[in-house]
Every structure is written in structure tokens, then in C-alpha cells.
């Protein structure tokens, strides 16, 4: 097979020996940053990060990795970036790469985009020196049904060594991902960082969070069918409704069906917004079953006659208030 480059107005030169030696271990972000840096060396950090859809810390880590490999040099006279740096596993000397303006490299700082990068040597040392790390990696591979490459192994090591998550936490996270047929370690990495940043860092907290996720997912399937949503993506407000019904109100499907019935009877439409108002009122009133709702309705219907001049019951008043609220909401959305 013969490959011939097509050169036009600009030519991009790469340090072939260094790049070839790093291709097997380089991440996709590192390769993106290298190509960007060589194509436009003068682009500032913020612009480069925006153009590549990366965080500034991710760009800094990639530049540091290529500098350490001997592929590039960074001008020490350039202004130091204002963001906090997450240094590469093997940081270059300060006179070679000035990214923080400090004499010593700083400890890695967590960002929401990715785990810190590990060199092959650092990865091997961490696995060897951390009790139970090798066994954890083997267990994660079995759960995910695949053998991890170096960068994927680094994600598991980062969860244990950097995020300081317990092995049973990591195994539960892998089990959850596998149960959803999401065997991408990249998905696992993003999920672990998001949970860590939200303070879900213990096994017990993770169990509770995953239970919420499962409750919400089960309720979502039911609500989609009931309200005729179909396969369209739910908007943020609708997701909030479902989460509240499943995890805050803890209503059964029968209660959701009852609210749907009330909604259609009163509005003629399967409105989740109106149904949410009904369910909020039932939750505030302490109703937990359709029978309790029916009993309360029957009690209201059998109440004493209203004072002369009053033309509607308290139940009618409640329904009228809901309709007014629903109408105002609809008008606001259409505006």
C-alpha cells in the first residue's frame, strides 16, 4: 500500500522519530494538541482549548507530555497561563517548560475532562506498589468483558490512586456500567469524575445514587409510554418531573397513572406539566395510593352544603386553580 500526502497551501512537519515512538501510548487528546501546536504554534491557550473542545488543563498536560518526549519546546518568555495546571506524570524541567511560573511542578489537579496521564513506567510502578491494584484491574476487565489497553488501565489506576476511590466503589461502578451495556472505559472515566465532583465518593453514597438512577430510568420508560412521548429526547424540565416522581415523592406507577387520568379529564391533553402539579398537591397532602386520593375525593363530595352564594366545591376550586396555573405556564412557554 502506498500513501501519498496531498500538500496544498500549508505543510505540517512532524518530528517523525519522536511521534512514532509515542504513537502506541499517546492519547487522542495528546495527538490533537500536538497537531494543533505544530499547525499554529502562536495560538494562545484559551483559543487552542476552545478550538479543540478540551479544557485548558488538558491542553497543558498534552503539551507537557510532548515536551517531555522531546517533540516540542515551549518558549519560557511566553506569559504563564492564569489557570491552575494539572502537570504531566513526568514534568519537564522549569527552564524547558514554564507553565505555572513556579520552580517545582505542582501535583495533578482534577479536571472534568479526563484523568491525569501516566507514563508507562509510572503506571507500572503504581500498579506494583498499590496493594490490590492488579487484582482490581483484572476484576474490572472481567466485568466489562474486555482486556484493557494501557490508557484504559490508567483510568482504573487513576480512580484508585488519584480520585482515592475504594476498590469496592470502583467494582460497583463497573458493574453498573456493564449492566447498562456500556463497556467503554471512557464512559466509566466520565462517570467517575462526575460523581466525584458531586461529592459521591463513598460506596454507600454510590449505592444510593445508582438506586436513584435506576428508579428514574424505570419510571422514564413507563412515563414515555403513558404520556405518549415516544422516542424523542426529554427536555430538562421533564427529566426533573420524572426524577421527583420516582425519588422525591416515591410514587408508584399507579399514582402516576391516576394523575394522568386526572390530567386528561381536566385538560384533554397528556400534559406532564399539569400532572406534576397534581402530584405535587397529592404529595403535600400526604396521599400515597390511588385509594387515598379516591377516599379524599369522596369525602369532599360528601361535605356539608356550602354557604349561600358559593357555587363550587373545594375540589372544583382546586381543579380551577390547577387549570389557571397550567394555562399561565402554557402561555409563558408559547411567548
C-alpha atoms as a PDB file:
ATOM      1  CA  UNK A   1       0.000   0.000   0.000  1.00  0.00           C
ATOM      2  CA  UNK A   2       1.332   3.405  -0.966  1.00  0.00           C
ATOM      3  CA  UNK A   3       0.195   6.597   0.750  1.00  0.00           C
ATOM      4  CA  UNK A   4       0.956   9.958  -0.846  1.00  0.00           C
ATOM      5  CA  UNK A   5       0.326  13.179   1.126  1.00  0.00           C
ATOM      6  CA  UNK A   6      -1.628  15.897  -0.682  1.00  0.00           C
ATOM      7  CA  UNK A   7       0.090  19.219   0.008  1.00  0.00           C
ATOM      8  CA  UNK A   8      -1.725  22.472  -0.672  1.00  0.00           C
ATOM      9  CA  UNK A   9      -1.001  25.920   0.749  1.00  0.00           C
ATOM     10  CA  UNK A  10       0.408  24.843   4.107  1.00  0.00           C
ATOM     11  CA  UNK A  11       2.612  21.951   5.163  1.00  0.00           C
ATOM     12  CA  UNK A  12       2.674  20.460   8.638  1.00  0.00           C
ATOM     13  CA  UNK A  13       6.030  18.994   9.689  1.00  0.00           C
ATOM     14  CA  UNK A  14       6.154  16.400  12.434  1.00  0.00           C
ATOM     15  CA  UNK A  15       9.164  15.116  14.407  1.00  0.00           C
ATOM     16  CA  UNK A  16       8.777  11.617  12.968  1.00  0.00           C
ATOM     17  CA  UNK A  17      11.061   9.654  15.308  1.00  0.00           C
ATOM     18  CA  UNK A  18       9.526  11.051  18.488  1.00  0.00           C
ATOM     19  CA  UNK A  19       5.956  10.788  17.248  1.00  0.00           C
ATOM     20  CA  UNK A  20       6.391   7.207  16.054  1.00  0.00           C
ATOM     21  CA  UNK A  21       7.828   6.182  19.416  1.00  0.00           C
ATOM     22  CA  UNK A  22       4.818   7.663  21.227  1.00  0.00           C
ATOM     23  CA  UNK A  23       2.000   6.611  18.878  1.00  0.00           C
ATOM     24  CA  UNK A  24       1.192   3.426  20.744  1.00  0.00           C
ATOM     25  CA  UNK A  25       0.786   5.161  24.118  1.00  0.00           C
ATOM     26  CA  UNK A  26      -0.355   8.653  23.061  1.00  0.00           C
ATOM     27  CA  UNK A  27      -3.956   9.540  23.819  1.00  0.00           C
ATOM     28  CA  UNK A  28      -6.342  11.075  21.309  1.00  0.00           C
ATOM     29  CA  UNK A  29      -6.163  14.394  23.182  1.00  0.00           C
ATOM     30  CA  UNK A  30      -2.356  14.377  23.055  1.00  0.00           C
ATOM     31  CA  UNK A  31      -2.377  13.808  19.289  1.00  0.00           C
ATOM     32  CA  UNK A  32      -4.951  16.572  18.752  1.00  0.00           C
ATOM     33  CA  UNK A  33      -2.892  19.016  20.784  1.00  0.00           C
ATOM     34  CA  UNK A  34       0.364  18.108  19.005  1.00  0.00           C
ATOM     35  CA  UNK A  35      -1.147  18.609  15.551  1.00  0.00           C
ATOM     36  CA  UNK A  36      -2.725  21.875  16.636  1.00  0.00           C
ATOM     37  CA  UNK A  37       0.513  23.163  18.197  1.00  0.00           C
ATOM     38  CA  UNK A  38       2.567  22.424  15.098  1.00  0.00           C
ATOM     39  CA  UNK A  39      -0.066  23.780  12.712  1.00  0.00           C
ATOM     40  CA  UNK A  40      -0.484  27.034  14.662  1.00  0.00           C
ATOM     41  CA  UNK A  41       2.278  27.479  17.297  1.00  0.00           C
ATOM     42  CA  UNK A  42       1.208  31.035  18.212  1.00  0.00           C
ATOM     43  CA  UNK A  43      -2.361  30.217  19.184  1.00  0.00           C
ATOM     44  CA  UNK A  44      -2.907  31.092  22.852  1.00  0.00           C
ATOM     45  CA  UNK A  45      -4.027  28.560  25.435  1.00  0.00           C
ATOM     46  CA  UNK A  46      -7.645  29.670  25.679  1.00  0.00           C
ATOM     47  CA  UNK A  47      -8.158  29.735  21.916  1.00  0.00           C
ATOM     48  CA  UNK A  48      -6.481  26.373  21.447  1.00  0.00           C
ATOM     49  CA  UNK A  49      -8.586  24.749  24.156  1.00  0.00           C
ATOM     50  CA  UNK A  50     -11.785  26.146  22.628  1.00  0.00           C
ATOM     51  CA  UNK A  51     -10.807  25.072  19.121  1.00  0.00           C
ATOM     52  CA  UNK A  52     -10.046  21.509  20.245  1.00  0.00           C
ATOM     53  CA  UNK A  53     -13.028  21.287  22.609  1.00  0.00           C
ATOM     54  CA  UNK A  54     -10.703  20.496  25.519  1.00  0.00           C
ATOM     55  CA  UNK A  55     -10.117  22.104  28.890  1.00  0.00           C
ATOM     56  CA  UNK A  56      -7.072  24.322  29.272  1.00  0.00           C
ATOM     57  CA  UNK A  57      -5.621  21.870  31.796  1.00  0.00           C
ATOM     58  CA  UNK A  58      -5.979  19.030  29.277  1.00  0.00           C
ATOM     59  CA  UNK A  59      -4.071  21.082  26.683  1.00  0.00           C
ATOM     60  CA  UNK A  60      -1.348  21.856  29.222  1.00  0.00           C
ATOM     61  CA  UNK A  61      -0.949  18.200  30.145  1.00  0.00           C
ATOM     62  CA  UNK A  62      -0.649  17.198  26.485  1.00  0.00           C
ATOM     63  CA  UNK A  63       1.900  19.927  25.741  1.00  0.00           C
ATOM     64  CA  UNK A  64       3.895  18.867  28.776  1.00  0.00           C
ATOM     65  CA  UNK A  65       3.864  15.227  27.633  1.00  0.00           C
ATOM     66  CA  UNK A  66       5.188  16.111  24.163  1.00  0.00           C
ATOM     67  CA  UNK A  67       7.770  18.457  25.638  1.00  0.00           C
ATOM     68  CA  UNK A  68       8.963  15.674  27.914  1.00  0.00           C
ATOM     69  CA  UNK A  69       9.176  13.346  24.899  1.00  0.00           C
ATOM     70  CA  UNK A  70      11.415  15.826  23.109  1.00  0.00           C
ATOM     71  CA  UNK A  71       8.955  16.675  20.353  1.00  0.00           C
ATOM     72  CA  UNK A  72       8.464  20.381  21.150  1.00  0.00           C
ATOM     73  CA  UNK A  73       9.816  23.219  23.253  1.00  0.00           C
ATOM     74  CA  UNK A  74       7.728  25.944  24.847  1.00  0.00           C
ATOM     75  CA  UNK A  75       9.076  29.491  24.944  1.00  0.00           C
ATOM     76  CA  UNK A  76       9.773  30.323  28.580  1.00  0.00           C
ATOM     77  CA  UNK A  77       9.302  34.023  27.865  1.00  0.00           C
ATOM     78  CA  UNK A  78       5.632  33.482  26.988  1.00  0.00           C
ATOM     79  CA  UNK A  79       3.129  34.652  29.650  1.00  0.00           C
ATOM     80  CA  UNK A  80       2.210  31.934  32.122  1.00  0.00           C
ATOM     81  CA  UNK A  81      -1.429  30.816  31.840  1.00  0.00           C
ATOM     82  CA  UNK A  82      -3.786  32.033  34.541  1.00  0.00           C
ATOM     83  CA  UNK A  83      -5.499  28.690  35.067  1.00  0.00           C
ATOM     84  CA  UNK A  84      -4.270  26.126  37.555  1.00  0.00           C
ATOM     85  CA  UNK A  85      -2.126  23.479  35.889  1.00  0.00           C
ATOM     86  CA  UNK A  86      -2.517  19.755  36.168  1.00  0.00           C
ATOM     87  CA  UNK A  87       1.081  18.668  35.479  1.00  0.00           C
ATOM     88  CA  UNK A  88       2.039  15.651  33.443  1.00  0.00           C
ATOM     89  CA  UNK A  89       3.201  12.492  35.205  1.00  0.00           C
ATOM     90  CA  UNK A  90       6.855  13.290  34.441  1.00  0.00           C
ATOM     91  CA  UNK A  91       7.066  17.057  34.408  1.00  0.00           C
ATOM     92  CA  UNK A  92       9.711  18.776  32.248  1.00  0.00           C
ATOM     93  CA  UNK A  93      12.335  20.979  33.836  1.00  0.00           C
ATOM     94  CA  UNK A  94      11.176  24.538  34.646  1.00  0.00           C
ATOM     95  CA  UNK A  95      13.737  26.063  32.297  1.00  0.00           C
ATOM     96  CA  UNK A  96      12.335  23.971  29.467  1.00  0.00           C
ATOM     97  CA  UNK A  97       8.619  24.422  30.039  1.00  0.00           C
ATOM     98  CA  UNK A  98       7.197  27.288  32.109  1.00  0.00           C
ATOM     99  CA  UNK A  99       3.518  26.694  32.522  1.00  0.00           C
ATOM    100  CA  UNK A 100       2.881  27.765  36.072  1.00  0.00           C
ATOM    101  CA  UNK A 101       5.694  30.164  36.804  1.00  0.00           C
ATOM    102  CA  UNK A 102       6.696  28.006  39.784  1.00  0.00           C
ATOM    103  CA  UNK A 103      10.071  26.412  40.452  1.00  0.00           C
ATOM    104  CA  UNK A 104       8.588  22.951  41.194  1.00  0.00           C
ATOM    105  CA  UNK A 105       5.858  21.086  39.285  1.00  0.00           C
ATOM    106  CA  UNK A 106       2.509  21.060  41.033  1.00  0.00           C
ATOM    107  CA  UNK A 107       0.537  17.946  41.954  1.00  0.00           C
ATOM    108  CA  UNK A 108      -2.080  16.946  39.421  1.00  0.00           C
ATOM    109  CA  UNK A 109      -5.324  18.868  39.685  1.00  0.00           C
ATOM    110  CA  UNK A 110      -8.556  17.103  38.786  1.00  0.00           C
ATOM    111  CA  UNK A 111     -10.453  18.432  35.826  1.00  0.00           C
ATOM    112  CA  UNK A 112     -13.783  17.307  34.468  1.00  0.00           C
ATOM    113  CA  UNK A 113     -12.372  16.176  31.132  1.00  0.00           C
ATOM    114  CA  UNK A 114     -10.034  13.287  31.914  1.00  0.00           C
ATOM    115  CA  UNK A 115      -7.854  11.544  34.454  1.00  0.00           C
ATOM    116  CA  UNK A 116      -4.209  12.568  34.712  1.00  0.00           C
ATOM    117  CA  UNK A 117      -1.906  10.988  32.161  1.00  0.00           C
ATOM    118  CA  UNK A 118       0.523   8.303  33.338  1.00  0.00           C
ATOM    119  CA  UNK A 119       3.730   7.301  31.643  1.00  0.00           C
ATOM    120  CA  UNK A 120       4.210   3.567  31.115  1.00  0.00           C
ATOM    121  CA  UNK A 121       6.822   3.495  33.877  1.00  0.00           C
ATOM    122  CA  UNK A 122       4.634   5.402  36.336  1.00  0.00           C
ATOM    123  CA  UNK A 123       1.669   3.185  35.552  1.00  0.00           C
ATOM    124  CA  UNK A 124       3.677   0.013  36.148  1.00  0.00           C
ATOM    125  CA  UNK A 125       5.134   1.379  39.393  1.00  0.00           C
ATOM    126  CA  UNK A 126       1.704   2.401  40.694  1.00  0.00           C
ATOM    127  CA  UNK A 127       0.147  -0.970  39.907  1.00  0.00           C
ATOM    128  CA  UNK A 128       3.053  -2.781  41.559  1.00  0.00           C
ATOM    129  CA  UNK A 129       3.205  -0.574  44.659  1.00  0.00           C
ATOM    130  CA  UNK A 130      -0.553  -0.309  45.323  1.00  0.00           C
ATOM    131  CA  UNK A 131      -1.971  -3.268  47.228  1.00  0.00           C
ATOM    132  CA  UNK A 132      -4.778  -4.982  45.352  1.00  0.00           C
ATOM    133  CA  UNK A 133      -4.453  -2.781  42.250  1.00  0.00           C
ATOM    134  CA  UNK A 134      -3.607  -5.600  39.842  1.00  0.00           C
ATOM    135  CA  UNK A 135      -6.466  -7.730  41.173  1.00  0.00           C
ATOM    136  CA  UNK A 136      -8.851  -4.762  40.838  1.00  0.00           C
ATOM    137  CA  UNK A 137      -7.869  -4.255  37.194  1.00  0.00           C
ATOM    138  CA  UNK A 138      -8.455  -7.967  36.476  1.00  0.00           C
ATOM    139  CA  UNK A 139     -11.893  -7.841  38.130  1.00  0.00           C
ATOM    140  CA  UNK A 140     -12.864  -4.709  36.188  1.00  0.00           C
ATOM    141  CA  UNK A 141     -11.799  -6.356  32.925  1.00  0.00           C
ATOM    142  CA  UNK A 142     -13.966  -9.387  33.695  1.00  0.00           C
ATOM    143  CA  UNK A 143     -16.978  -7.208  34.478  1.00  0.00           C
ATOM    144  CA  UNK A 144     -16.552  -5.103  31.353  1.00  0.00           C
ATOM    145  CA  UNK A 145     -15.895  -8.213  29.249  1.00  0.00           C
ATOM    146  CA  UNK A 146     -12.706  -6.947  27.639  1.00  0.00           C
ATOM    147  CA  UNK A 147      -8.949  -6.608  28.086  1.00  0.00           C
ATOM    148  CA  UNK A 148      -7.885  -3.023  28.777  1.00  0.00           C
ATOM    149  CA  UNK A 149      -5.158  -1.296  26.830  1.00  0.00           C
ATOM    150  CA  UNK A 150      -2.603   0.947  28.551  1.00  0.00           C
ATOM    151  CA  UNK A 151      -4.721   4.123  28.533  1.00  0.00           C
ATOM    152  CA  UNK A 152      -7.781   2.221  29.793  1.00  0.00           C
ATOM    153  CA  UNK A 153      -5.758   0.627  32.578  1.00  0.00           C
ATOM    154  CA  UNK A 154      -4.592   4.121  33.509  1.00  0.00           C
ATOM    155  CA  UNK A 155      -8.234   5.154  34.049  1.00  0.00           C
ATOM    156  CA  UNK A 156      -8.748   2.404  36.646  1.00  0.00           C
ATOM    157  CA  UNK A 157      -5.439   3.300  38.289  1.00  0.00           C
ATOM    158  CA  UNK A 158      -6.417   6.972  38.317  1.00  0.00           C
ATOM    159  CA  UNK A 159      -9.726   6.200  40.014  1.00  0.00           C
ATOM    160  CA  UNK A 160      -7.872   4.310  42.731  1.00  0.00           C
ATOM    161  CA  UNK A 161      -4.678   6.353  43.037  1.00  0.00           C
ATOM    162  CA  UNK A 162      -5.837   9.855  42.138  1.00  0.00           C
ATOM    163  CA  UNK A 163      -9.536  10.074  42.964  1.00  0.00           C
ATOM    164  CA  UNK A 164      -8.913   7.904  46.041  1.00  0.00           C
ATOM    165  CA  UNK A 165     -11.994   5.783  45.359  1.00  0.00           C
ATOM    166  CA  UNK A 166     -12.215   2.470  47.216  1.00  0.00           C
ATOM    167  CA  UNK A 167     -11.881  -0.780  45.221  1.00  0.00           C
ATOM    168  CA  UNK A 168     -15.447  -1.865  46.087  1.00  0.00           C
ATOM    169  CA  UNK A 169     -16.696   1.533  44.830  1.00  0.00           C
ATOM    170  CA  UNK A 170     -14.884   1.042  41.516  1.00  0.00           C
ATOM    171  CA  UNK A 171     -16.220  -2.504  41.160  1.00  0.00           C
ATOM    172  CA  UNK A 172     -19.777  -1.334  41.805  1.00  0.00           C
ATOM    173  CA  UNK A 173     -19.340   1.385  39.184  1.00  0.00           C
ATOM    174  CA  UNK A 174     -18.048  -1.164  36.664  1.00  0.00           C
ATOM    175  CA  UNK A 175     -20.945  -3.486  37.465  1.00  0.00           C
ATOM    176  CA  UNK A 176     -23.431  -0.656  36.893  1.00  0.00           C
ATOM    177  CA  UNK A 177     -21.831   0.300  33.568  1.00  0.00           C
ATOM    178  CA  UNK A 178     -21.783  -3.320  32.401  1.00  0.00           C
ATOM    179  CA  UNK A 179     -25.459  -3.771  33.362  1.00  0.00           C
ATOM    180  CA  UNK A 180     -26.280  -0.856  31.069  1.00  0.00           C
ATOM    181  CA  UNK A 181     -24.142  -2.443  28.319  1.00  0.00           C
ATOM    182  CA  UNK A 182     -21.754   0.498  28.445  1.00  0.00           C
ATOM    183  CA  UNK A 183     -18.344  -1.172  28.291  1.00  0.00           C
ATOM    184  CA  UNK A 184     -16.396   1.912  27.226  1.00  0.00           C
ATOM    185  CA  UNK A 185     -13.766   2.860  29.806  1.00  0.00           C
ATOM    186  CA  UNK A 186     -14.120   6.436  28.583  1.00  0.00           C
ATOM    187  CA  UNK A 187     -17.751   6.344  29.785  1.00  0.00           C
ATOM    188  CA  UNK A 188     -16.577   4.906  33.106  1.00  0.00           C
ATOM    189  CA  UNK A 189     -13.995   7.691  33.423  1.00  0.00           C
ATOM    190  CA  UNK A 190     -16.516  10.488  32.778  1.00  0.00           C
ATOM    191  CA  UNK A 191     -18.996   8.909  35.180  1.00  0.00           C
ATOM    192  CA  UNK A 192     -16.397   8.554  37.958  1.00  0.00           C
ATOM    193  CA  UNK A 193     -15.242  12.171  37.604  1.00  0.00           C
ATOM    194  CA  UNK A 194     -18.804  13.498  37.553  1.00  0.00           C
ATOM    195  CA  UNK A 195     -19.721  11.533  40.680  1.00  0.00           C
ATOM    196  CA  UNK A 196     -16.517  12.613  42.427  1.00  0.00           C
ATOM    197  CA  UNK A 197     -17.157  16.272  41.617  1.00  0.00           C
ATOM    198  CA  UNK A 198     -20.703  15.939  43.009  1.00  0.00           C
ATOM    199  CA  UNK A 199     -19.368  14.508  46.252  1.00  0.00           C
ATOM    200  CA  UNK A 200     -20.487  10.914  45.654  1.00  0.00           C
ATOM    201  CA  UNK A 201     -17.257   9.346  46.880  1.00  0.00           C
ATOM    202  CA  UNK A 202     -18.243   6.525  49.248  1.00  0.00           C
ATOM    203  CA  UNK A 203     -19.663   3.104  48.493  1.00  0.00           C
ATOM    204  CA  UNK A 204     -22.848   3.886  50.413  1.00  0.00           C
ATOM    205  CA  UNK A 205     -23.339   7.190  48.582  1.00  0.00           C
ATOM    206  CA  UNK A 206     -22.784   5.451  45.244  1.00  0.00           C
ATOM    207  CA  UNK A 207     -25.334   2.769  46.090  1.00  0.00           C
ATOM    208  CA  UNK A 208     -27.901   5.456  46.857  1.00  0.00           C
ATOM    209  CA  UNK A 209     -27.091   7.400  43.692  1.00  0.00           C
ATOM    210  CA  UNK A 210     -27.301   4.336  41.467  1.00  0.00           C
ATOM    211  CA  UNK A 211     -30.624   3.427  43.042  1.00  0.00           C
ATOM    212  CA  UNK A 212     -31.901   6.896  42.136  1.00  0.00           C
ATOM    213  CA  UNK A 213     -30.657   6.407  38.580  1.00  0.00           C
ATOM    214  CA  UNK A 214     -32.358   3.017  38.295  1.00  0.00           C
ATOM    215  CA  UNK A 215     -35.617   4.353  39.751  1.00  0.00           C
ATOM    216  CA  UNK A 216     -35.571   7.277  37.346  1.00  0.00           C
ATOM    217  CA  UNK A 217     -34.784   5.063  34.345  1.00  0.00           C
ATOM    218  CA  UNK A 218     -37.594   2.641  35.177  1.00  0.00           C
ATOM    219  CA  UNK A 219     -40.070   5.465  35.699  1.00  0.00           C
ATOM    220  CA  UNK A 220     -38.969   7.170  32.479  1.00  0.00           C
ATOM    221  CA  UNK A 221     -39.859   4.149  30.350  1.00  0.00           C
ATOM    222  CA  UNK A 222     -43.303   3.992  31.955  1.00  0.00           C
ATOM    223  CA  UNK A 223     -43.946   7.743  31.638  1.00  0.00           C
ATOM    224  CA  UNK A 224     -42.883   7.772  27.985  1.00  0.00           C
ATOM    225  CA  UNK A 225     -45.470   5.130  27.161  1.00  0.00           C
ATOM    226  CA  UNK A 226     -48.186   6.632  29.370  1.00  0.00           C
ATOM    227  CA  UNK A 227     -47.865  10.203  28.098  1.00  0.00           C
ATOM    228  CA  UNK A 228     -47.113   9.210  24.502  1.00  0.00           C
ATOM    229  CA  UNK A 229     -43.703  10.848  24.489  1.00  0.00           C
ATOM    230  CA  UNK A 230     -42.234   8.295  22.122  1.00  0.00           C
ATOM    231  CA  UNK A 231     -38.506   8.271  21.460  1.00  0.00           C
ATOM    232  CA  UNK A 232     -37.885  11.997  21.423  1.00  0.00           C
ATOM    233  CA  UNK A 233     -35.358  13.372  23.890  1.00  0.00           C
ATOM    234  CA  UNK A 234     -36.870  14.614  27.118  1.00  0.00           C
ATOM    235  CA  UNK A 235     -36.278  18.252  27.983  1.00  0.00           C
ATOM    236  CA  UNK A 236     -34.616  19.175  31.266  1.00  0.00           C
ATOM    237  CA  UNK A 237     -37.915  20.075  32.965  1.00  0.00           C
ATOM    238  CA  UNK A 238     -39.479  16.717  32.063  1.00  0.00           C
ATOM    239  CA  UNK A 239     -36.453  14.859  33.418  1.00  0.00           C
ATOM    240  CA  UNK A 240     -36.855  16.832  36.628  1.00  0.00           C
ATOM    241  CA  UNK A 241     -40.506  15.819  36.877  1.00  0.00           C
ATOM    242  CA  UNK A 242     -39.688  12.133  36.480  1.00  0.00           C
ATOM    243  CA  UNK A 243     -36.856  12.256  38.992  1.00  0.00           C
ATOM    244  CA  UNK A 244     -39.131  13.921  41.549  1.00  0.00           C
ATOM    245  CA  UNK A 245     -41.959  11.429  40.995  1.00  0.00           C
ATOM    246  CA  UNK A 246     -39.612   8.449  41.348  1.00  0.00           C
ATOM    247  CA  UNK A 247     -37.173   9.603  44.025  1.00  0.00           C
ATOM    248  CA  UNK A 248     -38.665  12.553  45.954  1.00  0.00           C
ATOM    249  CA  UNK A 249     -42.354  11.686  46.023  1.00  0.00           C
ATOM    250  CA  UNK A 250     -41.597   7.955  45.652  1.00  0.00           C
ATOM    251  CA  UNK A 251     -44.946   7.442  43.934  1.00  0.00           C
ATOM    252  CA  UNK A 252     -45.943   4.127  42.404  1.00  0.00           C
ATOM    253  CA  UNK A 253     -46.846   3.744  38.756  1.00  0.00           C
ATOM    254  CA  UNK A 254     -50.470   3.501  39.839  1.00  0.00           C
ATOM    255  CA  UNK A 255     -50.239   7.017  41.320  1.00  0.00           C
ATOM    256  CA  UNK A 256     -48.696   8.339  38.109  1.00  0.00           C
ATOM    257  CA  UNK A 257     -51.491   6.694  36.130  1.00  0.00           C
ATOM    258  CA  UNK A 258     -54.072   8.301  38.434  1.00  0.00           C
ATOM    259  CA  UNK A 259     -52.503  11.728  37.891  1.00  0.00           C
ATOM    260  CA  UNK A 260     -52.514  11.079  34.135  1.00  0.00           C
ATOM    261  CA  UNK A 261     -56.230  10.276  34.301  1.00  0.00           C
ATOM    262  CA  UNK A 262     -56.967  13.487  36.225  1.00  0.00           C
ATOM    263  CA  UNK A 263     -54.833  15.467  33.773  1.00  0.00           C
ATOM    264  CA  UNK A 264     -56.587  14.193  30.647  1.00  0.00           C
ATOM    265  CA  UNK A 265     -60.043  14.555  32.227  1.00  0.00           C
ATOM    266  CA  UNK A 266     -59.377  18.182  33.179  1.00  0.00           C
ATOM    267  CA  UNK A 267     -57.316  19.400  30.218  1.00  0.00           C
ATOM    268  CA  UNK A 268     -57.938  16.972  27.394  1.00  0.00           C
ATOM    269  CA  UNK A 269     -54.168  16.676  26.934  1.00  0.00           C
ATOM    270  CA  UNK A 270     -51.487  14.342  28.356  1.00  0.00           C
ATOM    271  CA  UNK A 271     -49.572  17.225  29.937  1.00  0.00           C
ATOM    272  CA  UNK A 272     -46.659  16.260  32.183  1.00  0.00           C
ATOM    273  CA  UNK A 273     -46.604  19.827  33.498  1.00  0.00           C
ATOM    274  CA  UNK A 274     -50.210  19.617  34.721  1.00  0.00           C
ATOM    275  CA  UNK A 275     -49.710  16.079  36.051  1.00  0.00           C
ATOM    276  CA  UNK A 276     -46.721  17.311  38.046  1.00  0.00           C
ATOM    277  CA  UNK A 277     -48.888  19.956  39.723  1.00  0.00           C
ATOM    278  CA  UNK A 278     -51.447  17.283  40.615  1.00  0.00           C
ATOM    279  CA  UNK A 279     -48.763  15.025  42.070  1.00  0.00           C
ATOM    280  CA  UNK A 280     -47.169  17.887  43.997  1.00  0.00           C
ATOM    281  CA  UNK A 281     -50.540  18.583  45.659  1.00  0.00           C
ATOM    282  CA  UNK A 282     -51.067  14.918  46.475  1.00  0.00           C
ATOM    283  CA  UNK A 283     -47.577  14.672  47.939  1.00  0.00           C
ATOM    284  CA  UNK A 284     -48.176  17.782  50.062  1.00  0.00           C
ATOM    285  CA  UNK A 285     -51.491  16.307  51.241  1.00  0.00           C
ATOM    286  CA  UNK A 286     -49.798  13.044  52.203  1.00  0.00           C
ATOM    287  CA  UNK A 287     -51.601  10.805  49.727  1.00  0.00           C
ATOM    288  CA  UNK A 288     -49.589   7.732  48.766  1.00  0.00           C
ATOM    289  CA  UNK A 289     -52.082   5.498  46.903  1.00  0.00           C
ATOM    290  CA  UNK A 290     -54.913   6.000  44.391  1.00  0.00           C
ATOM    291  CA  UNK A 291     -57.327   4.661  47.031  1.00  0.00           C
ATOM    292  CA  UNK A 292     -56.378   7.504  49.367  1.00  0.00           C
ATOM    293  CA  UNK A 293     -56.932  10.007  46.557  1.00  0.00           C
ATOM    294  CA  UNK A 294     -60.356   8.481  45.827  1.00  0.00           C
ATOM    295  CA  UNK A 295     -61.263   8.461  49.517  1.00  0.00           C
ATOM    296  CA  UNK A 296     -60.348  12.124  49.867  1.00  0.00           C
ATOM    297  CA  UNK A 297     -62.376  12.918  46.753  1.00  0.00           C
ATOM    298  CA  UNK A 298     -65.378  11.035  48.132  1.00  0.00           C
ATOM    299  CA  UNK A 299     -65.084  12.862  51.434  1.00  0.00           C
ATOM    300  CA  UNK A 300     -65.013  16.215  49.677  1.00  0.00           C
ATOM    301  CA  UNK A 301     -68.034  15.269  47.571  1.00  0.00           C
ATOM    302  CA  UNK A 302     -69.966  14.362  50.717  1.00  0.00           C
ATOM    303  CA  UNK A 303     -69.127  17.526  52.650  1.00  0.00           C
ATOM    304  CA  UNK A 304     -71.811  19.770  54.128  1.00  0.00           C
ATOM    305  CA  UNK A 305     -73.595  22.230  51.831  1.00  0.00           C
ATOM    306  CA  UNK A 306     -71.583  25.339  51.093  1.00  0.00           C
ATOM    307  CA  UNK A 307     -72.659  28.769  52.315  1.00  0.00           C
ATOM    308  CA  UNK A 308     -75.272  30.506  50.214  1.00  0.00           C
ATOM    309  CA  UNK A 309     -73.765  32.238  47.215  1.00  0.00           C
ATOM    310  CA  UNK A 310     -70.885  29.728  46.822  1.00  0.00           C
ATOM    311  CA  UNK A 311     -71.192  27.924  43.501  1.00  0.00           C
ATOM    312  CA  UNK A 312     -68.338  25.448  43.563  1.00  0.00           C
ATOM    313  CA  UNK A 313     -66.831  22.839  45.860  1.00  0.00           C
ATOM    314  CA  UNK A 314     -63.320  22.888  47.284  1.00  0.00           C
ATOM    315  CA  UNK A 315     -62.438  20.147  44.829  1.00  0.00           C
ATOM    316  CA  UNK A 316     -63.652  22.265  41.927  1.00  0.00           C
ATOM    317  CA  UNK A 317     -61.690  25.162  43.335  1.00  0.00           C
ATOM    318  CA  UNK A 318     -58.555  23.007  43.393  1.00  0.00           C
ATOM    319  CA  UNK A 319     -59.082  21.922  39.785  1.00  0.00           C
ATOM    320  CA  UNK A 320     -59.763  25.506  38.681  1.00  0.00           C
ATOM    321  CA  UNK A 321     -56.573  26.686  40.334  1.00  0.00           C
ATOM    322  CA  UNK A 322     -54.613  23.966  38.564  1.00  0.00           C
ATOM    323  CA  UNK A 323     -56.135  24.885  35.223  1.00  0.00           C
ATOM    324  CA  UNK A 324     -55.288  28.564  35.743  1.00  0.00           C
ATOM    325  CA  UNK A 325     -51.732  27.654  36.685  1.00  0.00           C
ATOM    326  CA  UNK A 326     -51.453  25.291  33.728  1.00  0.00           C
ATOM    327  CA  UNK A 327     -52.800  27.943  31.367  1.00  0.00           C
ATOM    328  CA  UNK A 328     -50.347  30.545  32.638  1.00  0.00           C
ATOM    329  CA  UNK A 329     -47.497  28.113  32.189  1.00  0.00           C
ATOM    330  CA  UNK A 330     -48.558  27.309  28.636  1.00  0.00           C
ATOM    331  CA  UNK A 331     -48.883  30.993  27.758  1.00  0.00           C
ATOM    332  CA  UNK A 332     -45.420  31.652  29.110  1.00  0.00           C
ATOM    333  CA  UNK A 333     -43.920  28.835  27.090  1.00  0.00           C
ATOM    334  CA  UNK A 334     -45.612  29.932  23.885  1.00  0.00           C
ATOM    335  CA  UNK A 335     -44.483  33.528  24.435  1.00  0.00           C
END
